[in-house]
Amino acid sequence: MLFSLDSSLLIAAGASFVAGVLGYIIARFWIKPIVRYNIAKRKLDHHLGVYLNMIDDLAQTPKKQAGIIQETLRTARKHGMDLVSCYSSDLPYWYRLLLESRQESPTEASGLLTNLSKMRDRQQIETRIAEARNKLNLKSDHGKKTT
């Protein structure tokens, strides 16, 4: 026995299938990479703030504290590399154009963070981190201690 299907039911089923496929494509290839990029950017900002708060004077810190400071910097650089990776391979082209129009450059920001471990002057470190945050359009008030 054959079933007789109404054409409006077939059209509704086809339209819902197309809507589901489009929703999946938009979520998978647009929304998910953009959210991943923004999360990596927030993590980088957080770890840079923690790093700035930890370095009062690198020359006077005990070895254990210096190790923790270096690990924090290493984590921040890892998040910077995740940000660059997401920017260069995952983000949709139209979103990269939007970031460029906002003058946001994670590759330049990550490049500014590469030599932080070799710097000993707090003012240089603060300046470099402020420049990196500026390249990412982040507010630069994280590292300021309130006394």
N, C-alpha and C. Protein backbone atom coordinates (compact mmCIF):
# COMPACT_ATOMS: atom_id res chain seq x y z
N MET A 1 0.83 -1.16 0.00
CA MET A 1 0.00 0.00 0.00
C MET A 1 0.89 1.25 0.00
N LEU A 2 0.64 2.13 -0.88
CA LEU A 2 1.42 3.36 -1.00
C LEU A 2 0.74 4.49 -0.24
N PHE A 3 1.61 5.31 0.32
CA PHE A 3 1.09 6.47 1.05
C PHE A 3 0.99 7.66 0.10
N SER A 4 -0.03 8.38 0.23
CA SER A 4 -0.21 9.59 -0.55
C SER A 4 0.21 10.77 0.33
N LEU A 5 1.29 11.47 -0.08
CA LEU A 5 1.79 12.60 0.70
C LEU A 5 1.31 13.91 0.09
N ASP A 6 0.93 14.77 0.95
CA ASP A 6 0.48 16.09 0.53
C ASP A 6 1.70 16.91 0.10
N SER A 7 1.59 17.69 -0.95
CA SER A 7 2.72 18.47 -1.44
C SER A 7 3.14 19.55 -0.44
N SER A 8 2.22 20.10 0.32
CA SER A 8 2.59 21.11 1.31
C SER A 8 3.43 20.50 2.43
N LEU A 9 3.17 19.22 2.75
CA LEU A 9 3.97 18.53 3.75
C LEU A 9 5.40 18.31 3.24
N LEU A 10 5.54 17.96 1.98
CA LEU A 10 6.86 17.78 1.39
C LEU A 10 7.62 19.11 1.33
N ILE A 11 6.94 20.18 0.99
CA ILE A 11 7.58 21.49 0.94
C ILE A 11 8.03 21.91 2.34
N ALA A 12 7.20 21.68 3.34
CA ALA A 12 7.57 22.04 4.72
C ALA A 12 8.75 21.20 5.19
N ALA A 13 8.76 19.91 4.87
CA ALA A 13 9.87 19.05 5.27
C ALA A 13 11.16 19.48 4.58
N GLY A 14 11.07 19.80 3.29
CA GLY A 14 12.25 20.27 2.56
C GLY A 14 12.77 21.59 3.09
N ALA A 15 11.85 22.50 3.39
CA ALA A 15 12.26 23.81 3.92
C ALA A 15 12.90 23.67 5.29
N SER A 16 12.36 22.80 6.13
CA SER A 16 12.96 22.61 7.46
C SER A 16 14.33 21.95 7.35
N PHE A 17 14.49 21.05 6.38
CA PHE A 17 15.80 20.42 6.18
C PHE A 17 16.82 21.46 5.73
N VAL A 18 16.44 22.31 4.79
CA VAL A 18 17.34 23.36 4.30
C VAL A 18 17.68 24.33 5.43
N ALA A 19 16.69 24.70 6.23
CA ALA A 19 16.94 25.60 7.36
C ALA A 19 17.89 24.96 8.37
N GLY A 20 17.72 23.69 8.62
CA GLY A 20 18.62 22.99 9.54
C GLY A 20 20.04 22.92 9.03
N VAL A 21 20.20 22.64 7.74
CA VAL A 21 21.53 22.59 7.14
C VAL A 21 22.19 23.97 7.19
N LEU A 22 21.45 25.00 6.84
CA LEU A 22 22.00 26.36 6.89
C LEU A 22 22.37 26.76 8.32
N GLY A 23 21.52 26.40 9.27
CA GLY A 23 21.83 26.69 10.67
C GLY A 23 23.09 25.99 11.13
N TYR A 24 23.26 24.74 10.73
CA TYR A 24 24.47 24.00 11.09
C TYR A 24 25.70 24.65 10.47
N ILE A 25 25.62 25.00 9.20
CA ILE A 25 26.77 25.60 8.52
C ILE A 25 27.14 26.93 9.17
N ILE A 26 26.16 27.76 9.46
CA ILE A 26 26.44 29.05 10.09
C ILE A 26 27.03 28.86 11.48
N ALA A 27 26.46 27.95 12.25
CA ALA A 27 26.98 27.72 13.61
C ALA A 27 28.37 27.12 13.57
N ARG A 28 28.59 26.16 12.69
CA ARG A 28 29.86 25.44 12.67
C ARG A 28 30.99 26.27 12.07
N PHE A 29 30.73 26.98 11.02
CA PHE A 29 31.80 27.66 10.29
C PHE A 29 31.88 29.16 10.53
N TRP A 30 30.90 29.76 11.20
CA TRP A 30 30.96 31.18 11.50
C TRP A 30 30.96 31.43 13.00
N ILE A 31 29.90 31.00 13.67
CA ILE A 31 29.74 31.35 15.08
C ILE A 31 30.80 30.69 15.95
N LYS A 32 31.03 29.40 15.77
CA LYS A 32 32.00 28.69 16.61
C LYS A 32 33.42 29.27 16.50
N PRO A 33 33.95 29.53 15.30
CA PRO A 33 35.29 30.14 15.22
C PRO A 33 35.35 31.55 15.81
N ILE A 34 34.30 32.34 15.63
CA ILE A 34 34.29 33.70 16.18
C ILE A 34 34.28 33.65 17.70
N VAL A 35 33.49 32.77 18.27
CA VAL A 35 33.46 32.61 19.73
C VAL A 35 34.82 32.12 20.23
N ARG A 36 35.42 31.17 19.52
CA ARG A 36 36.75 30.66 19.92
C ARG A 36 37.79 31.79 19.89
N TYR A 37 37.74 32.62 18.88
CA TYR A 37 38.65 33.76 18.77
C TYR A 37 38.47 34.71 19.95
N ASN A 38 37.23 35.04 20.27
CA ASN A 38 36.96 35.98 21.37
C ASN A 38 37.35 35.39 22.72
N ILE A 39 37.16 34.09 22.91
CA ILE A 39 37.57 33.45 24.16
C ILE A 39 39.09 33.47 24.29
N ALA A 40 39.80 33.16 23.20
CA ALA A 40 41.27 33.20 23.23
C ALA A 40 41.76 34.61 23.51
N LYS A 41 41.09 35.61 22.96
CA LYS A 41 41.47 37.01 23.19
C LYS A 41 41.26 37.39 24.65
N ARG A 42 40.15 36.97 25.24
CA ARG A 42 39.90 37.26 26.66
C ARG A 42 40.90 36.54 27.56
N LYS A 43 41.25 35.28 27.23
CA LYS A 43 42.23 34.54 28.03
C LYS A 43 43.59 35.22 27.96
N LEU A 44 43.98 35.66 26.77
CA LEU A 44 45.25 36.36 26.62
C LEU A 44 45.24 37.64 27.45
N ASP A 45 44.17 38.40 27.39
CA ASP A 45 44.06 39.63 28.16
C ASP A 45 44.17 39.34 29.66
N HIS A 46 43.50 38.30 30.11
CA HIS A 46 43.53 37.93 31.53
C HIS A 46 44.95 37.57 31.97
N HIS A 47 45.63 36.73 31.19
CA HIS A 47 46.97 36.30 31.59
C HIS A 47 47.99 37.43 31.50
N LEU A 48 47.80 38.35 30.57
CA LEU A 48 48.69 39.52 30.54
C LEU A 48 48.49 40.38 31.77
N GLY A 49 47.25 40.53 32.21
CA GLY A 49 46.98 41.27 33.45
C GLY A 49 47.59 40.60 34.66
N VAL A 50 47.47 39.27 34.73
CA VAL A 50 48.08 38.52 35.84
C VAL A 50 49.59 38.69 35.81
N TYR A 51 50.17 38.60 34.62
CA TYR A 51 51.62 38.76 34.49
C TYR A 51 52.07 40.14 34.95
N LEU A 52 51.36 41.17 34.55
CA LEU A 52 51.72 42.53 34.98
C LEU A 52 51.62 42.69 36.49
N ASN A 53 50.61 42.06 37.08
CA ASN A 53 50.46 42.17 38.53
C ASN A 53 51.53 41.39 39.28
N MET A 54 52.11 40.38 38.66
CA MET A 54 53.11 39.55 39.34
C MET A 54 54.51 40.15 39.30
N ILE A 55 54.81 40.96 38.31
CA ILE A 55 56.18 41.44 38.16
C ILE A 55 56.35 42.80 38.81
N ASP A 56 56.67 42.82 40.05
CA ASP A 56 57.02 44.09 40.69
C ASP A 56 58.47 44.41 40.38
N ASP A 57 59.33 43.47 40.68
CA ASP A 57 60.74 43.63 40.36
C ASP A 57 61.30 42.24 40.13
N LEU A 58 61.55 41.89 38.89
CA LEU A 58 62.00 40.54 38.56
C LEU A 58 63.35 40.20 39.19
N ALA A 59 64.19 41.18 39.41
CA ALA A 59 65.51 40.90 39.97
C ALA A 59 65.43 40.50 41.44
N GLN A 60 64.41 40.93 42.17
CA GLN A 60 64.33 40.66 43.60
C GLN A 60 63.40 39.50 43.94
N THR A 61 62.80 38.87 42.96
CA THR A 61 61.87 37.78 43.27
C THR A 61 62.64 36.49 43.50
N PRO A 62 62.17 35.66 44.43
CA PRO A 62 62.80 34.37 44.63
C PRO A 62 62.65 33.50 43.38
N LYS A 63 63.49 32.47 43.31
CA LYS A 63 63.48 31.61 42.12
C LYS A 63 62.12 30.96 41.90
N LYS A 64 61.46 30.52 42.98
CA LYS A 64 60.16 29.87 42.83
C LYS A 64 59.14 30.85 42.26
N GLN A 65 59.15 32.06 42.77
CA GLN A 65 58.23 33.09 42.26
C GLN A 65 58.55 33.43 40.81
N ALA A 66 59.85 33.48 40.48
CA ALA A 66 60.24 33.76 39.09
C ALA A 66 59.74 32.66 38.16
N GLY A 67 59.76 31.42 38.63
CA GLY A 67 59.24 30.31 37.83
C GLY A 67 57.76 30.45 37.56
N ILE A 68 57.02 30.87 38.58
CA ILE A 68 55.58 31.07 38.42
C ILE A 68 55.31 32.21 37.43
N ILE A 69 56.11 33.27 37.53
CA ILE A 69 55.96 34.40 36.62
C ILE A 69 56.23 33.97 35.18
N GLN A 70 57.29 33.18 34.99
CA GLN A 70 57.61 32.72 33.64
C GLN A 70 56.54 31.77 33.10
N GLU A 71 55.96 30.95 33.97
CA GLU A 71 54.89 30.05 33.54
C GLU A 71 53.65 30.86 33.13
N THR A 72 53.37 31.93 33.86
CA THR A 72 52.25 32.80 33.50
C THR A 72 52.49 33.44 32.13
N LEU A 73 53.71 33.89 31.90
CA LEU A 73 54.05 34.48 30.61
C LEU A 73 53.95 33.43 29.50
N ARG A 74 54.42 32.23 29.77
CA ARG A 74 54.35 31.14 28.79
C ARG A 74 52.89 30.85 28.42
N THR A 75 52.03 30.84 29.43
CA THR A 75 50.60 30.61 29.19
C THR A 75 50.01 31.74 28.35
N ALA A 76 50.39 32.97 28.65
CA ALA A 76 49.89 34.12 27.88
C ALA A 76 50.35 34.02 26.42
N ARG A 77 51.60 33.64 26.20
CA ARG A 77 52.09 33.50 24.83
C ARG A 77 51.38 32.37 24.10
N LYS A 78 51.06 31.29 24.83
CA LYS A 78 50.31 30.18 24.23
C LYS A 78 48.94 30.65 23.77
N HIS A 79 48.28 31.44 24.60
CA HIS A 79 46.98 31.99 24.20
C HIS A 79 47.13 32.94 23.01
N GLY A 80 48.24 33.66 22.96
CA GLY A 80 48.51 34.53 21.82
C GLY A 80 48.67 33.74 20.53
N MET A 81 49.36 32.61 20.62
CA MET A 81 49.53 31.76 19.44
C MET A 81 48.20 31.11 19.04
N ASP A 82 47.38 30.74 20.03
CA ASP A 82 46.04 30.21 19.72
C ASP A 82 45.22 31.27 18.99
N LEU A 83 45.36 32.50 19.42
CA LEU A 83 44.64 33.61 18.80
C LEU A 83 45.07 33.78 17.34
N VAL A 84 46.38 33.73 17.10
CA VAL A 84 46.89 33.86 15.73
C VAL A 84 46.44 32.68 14.87
N SER A 85 46.49 31.49 15.44
CA SER A 85 46.05 30.30 14.71
C SER A 85 44.58 30.40 14.33
N CYS A 86 43.78 30.81 15.26
CA CYS A 86 42.34 30.96 15.00
C CYS A 86 42.11 32.04 13.95
N TYR A 87 42.84 33.14 14.05
CA TYR A 87 42.69 34.25 13.12
C TYR A 87 43.06 33.84 11.70
N SER A 88 44.17 33.12 11.56
CA SER A 88 44.67 32.82 10.22
C SER A 88 43.98 31.64 9.56
N SER A 89 43.43 30.70 10.35
CA SER A 89 42.89 29.51 9.70
C SER A 89 41.40 29.27 9.93
N ASP A 90 40.84 29.74 11.03
CA ASP A 90 39.46 29.37 11.35
C ASP A 90 38.44 30.46 11.04
N LEU A 91 38.81 31.70 11.24
CA LEU A 91 37.82 32.78 11.10
C LEU A 91 37.35 32.93 9.66
N PRO A 92 36.07 33.21 9.47
CA PRO A 92 35.59 33.48 8.11
C PRO A 92 36.22 34.76 7.56
N TYR A 93 36.35 34.79 6.26
CA TYR A 93 37.02 35.90 5.60
C TYR A 93 36.36 37.24 5.92
N TRP A 94 35.03 37.26 5.92
CA TRP A 94 34.33 38.51 6.18
C TRP A 94 34.61 39.03 7.59
N TYR A 95 34.84 38.13 8.57
CA TYR A 95 35.12 38.57 9.93
C TYR A 95 36.56 39.10 10.03
N ARG A 96 37.48 38.49 9.28
CA ARG A 96 38.85 39.02 9.25
C ARG A 96 38.85 40.43 8.64
N LEU A 97 38.04 40.65 7.62
CA LEU A 97 37.92 41.99 7.04
C LEU A 97 37.36 42.97 8.07
N LEU A 98 36.40 42.52 8.85
CA LEU A 98 35.83 43.37 9.90
C LEU A 98 36.90 43.73 10.93
N LEU A 99 37.72 42.73 11.33
CA LEU A 99 38.78 43.00 12.29
C LEU A 99 39.82 43.95 11.72
N GLU A 100 40.14 43.79 10.44
CA GLU A 100 41.08 44.70 9.80
C GLU A 100 40.52 46.12 9.74
N SER A 101 39.22 46.24 9.51
CA SER A 101 38.62 47.58 9.48
C SER A 101 38.65 48.22 10.86
N ARG A 102 38.64 47.39 11.90
CA ARG A 102 38.77 47.89 13.28
C ARG A 102 40.24 48.05 13.69
N GLN A 103 41.15 47.77 12.76
CA GLN A 103 42.60 47.83 12.98
C GLN A 103 43.02 46.90 14.11
N GLU A 104 42.47 45.70 14.12
CA GLU A 104 42.83 44.68 15.10
C GLU A 104 43.73 43.67 14.42
N SER A 105 44.93 43.46 14.99
CA SER A 105 45.90 42.57 14.37
C SER A 105 46.50 41.64 15.41
N PRO A 106 45.99 40.41 15.53
CA PRO A 106 46.55 39.48 16.50
C PRO A 106 47.96 39.03 16.15
N THR A 107 48.33 39.03 14.87
CA THR A 107 49.69 38.62 14.52
C THR A 107 50.70 39.65 15.03
N GLU A 108 50.39 40.93 14.89
CA GLU A 108 51.30 41.96 15.41
C GLU A 108 51.33 41.93 16.93
N ALA A 109 50.19 41.69 17.56
CA ALA A 109 50.14 41.63 19.02
C ALA A 109 50.95 40.46 19.54
N SER A 110 50.85 39.32 18.89
CA SER A 110 51.62 38.16 19.31
C SER A 110 53.11 38.39 19.12
N GLY A 111 53.47 39.08 18.06
CA GLY A 111 54.88 39.42 17.84
C GLY A 111 55.44 40.32 18.92
N LEU A 112 54.61 41.19 19.46
CA LEU A 112 55.06 42.08 20.54
C LEU A 112 55.31 41.33 21.84
N LEU A 113 54.70 40.16 21.99
CA LEU A 113 54.82 39.41 23.24
C LEU A 113 55.98 38.42 23.24
N THR A 114 56.67 38.25 22.13
CA THR A 114 57.67 37.19 22.03
C THR A 114 58.88 37.42 22.92
N ASN A 115 59.33 38.63 23.09
CA ASN A 115 60.57 38.89 23.83
C ASN A 115 60.34 39.40 25.25
N LEU A 116 59.15 39.25 25.78
CA LEU A 116 58.87 39.78 27.12
C LEU A 116 59.72 39.12 28.20
N SER A 117 60.05 37.85 28.03
CA SER A 117 60.81 37.15 29.07
C SER A 117 62.24 37.69 29.19
N LYS A 118 62.74 38.33 28.15
CA LYS A 118 64.10 38.86 28.18
C LYS A 118 64.16 40.28 28.74
N MET A 119 63.03 40.92 28.86
CA MET A 119 63.00 42.29 29.37
C MET A 119 63.00 42.29 30.89
N ARG A 120 63.74 43.22 31.48
CA ARG A 120 63.81 43.32 32.93
C ARG A 120 63.21 44.61 33.46
N ASP A 121 63.08 45.60 32.61
CA ASP A 121 62.53 46.89 33.03
C ASP A 121 61.01 46.84 32.98
N ARG A 122 60.39 47.11 34.12
CA ARG A 122 58.92 47.04 34.21
C ARG A 122 58.26 48.01 33.24
N GLN A 123 58.82 49.18 33.07
CA GLN A 123 58.24 50.18 32.17
C GLN A 123 58.22 49.68 30.73
N GLN A 124 59.30 49.02 30.30
CA GLN A 124 59.33 48.46 28.95
C GLN A 124 58.28 47.37 28.79
N ILE A 125 58.16 46.52 29.82
CA ILE A 125 57.19 45.44 29.78
C ILE A 125 55.78 46.01 29.70
N GLU A 126 55.48 47.01 30.53
CA GLU A 126 54.16 47.63 30.51
C GLU A 126 53.86 48.27 29.15
N THR A 127 54.86 48.92 28.58
CA THR A 127 54.68 49.56 27.27
C THR A 127 54.41 48.52 26.20
N ARG A 128 55.18 47.43 26.22
CA ARG A 128 55.00 46.37 25.22
C ARG A 128 53.62 45.72 25.34
N ILE A 129 53.20 45.45 26.56
CA ILE A 129 51.89 44.83 26.77
C ILE A 129 50.77 45.80 26.38
N ALA A 130 50.96 47.09 26.68
CA ALA A 130 49.95 48.08 26.28
C ALA A 130 49.85 48.16 24.76
N GLU A 131 50.98 48.07 24.06
CA GLU A 131 50.95 48.07 22.60
C GLU A 131 50.23 46.83 22.07
N ALA A 132 50.51 45.67 22.68
CA ALA A 132 49.84 44.44 22.25
C ALA A 132 48.34 44.53 22.48
N ARG A 133 47.96 45.05 23.63
CA ARG A 133 46.53 45.22 23.91
C ARG A 133 45.89 46.21 22.94
N ASN A 134 46.63 47.23 22.58
CA ASN A 134 46.12 48.20 21.61
C ASN A 134 45.90 47.54 20.25
N LYS A 135 46.81 46.64 19.85
CA LYS A 135 46.66 45.92 18.58
C LYS A 135 45.44 45.01 18.59
N LEU A 136 45.00 44.61 19.80
CA LEU A 136 43.83 43.74 19.92
C LEU A 136 42.57 44.51 20.32
N ASN A 137 42.67 45.83 20.36
CA ASN A 137 41.56 46.69 20.79
C ASN A 137 41.05 46.32 22.18
N LEU A 138 41.98 46.07 23.09
CA LEU A 138 41.64 45.77 24.48
C LEU A 138 41.96 46.99 25.33
N LYS A 139 41.26 47.13 26.43
CA LYS A 139 41.54 48.23 27.34
C LYS A 139 42.84 47.94 28.07
N SER A 140 43.66 48.96 28.28
CA SER A 140 44.98 48.78 28.87
C SER A 140 45.00 49.01 30.37
N ASP A 141 43.89 48.99 31.06
CA ASP A 141 43.89 49.29 32.49
C ASP A 141 44.00 48.05 33.36
N HIS A 142 44.16 46.87 32.79
CA HIS A 142 44.23 45.64 33.58
C HIS A 142 45.43 45.60 34.50
N GLY A 143 46.59 45.98 33.99
CA GLY A 143 47.81 45.80 34.75
C GLY A 143 48.06 46.84 35.82
N LYS A 144 47.25 47.84 35.91
CA LYS A 144 47.47 48.90 36.89
C LYS A 144 47.04 48.43 38.26
N LYS A 145 47.96 48.53 39.21
CA LYS A 145 47.63 48.16 40.58
C LYS A 145 46.98 49.33 41.28
N THR A 146 46.04 49.03 42.12
CA THR A 146 45.42 50.09 42.90
C THR A 146 46.02 50.06 44.29
N THR A 147 46.53 51.20 44.73
CA THR A 147 47.15 51.26 46.07
C THR A 147 46.42 52.24 46.94
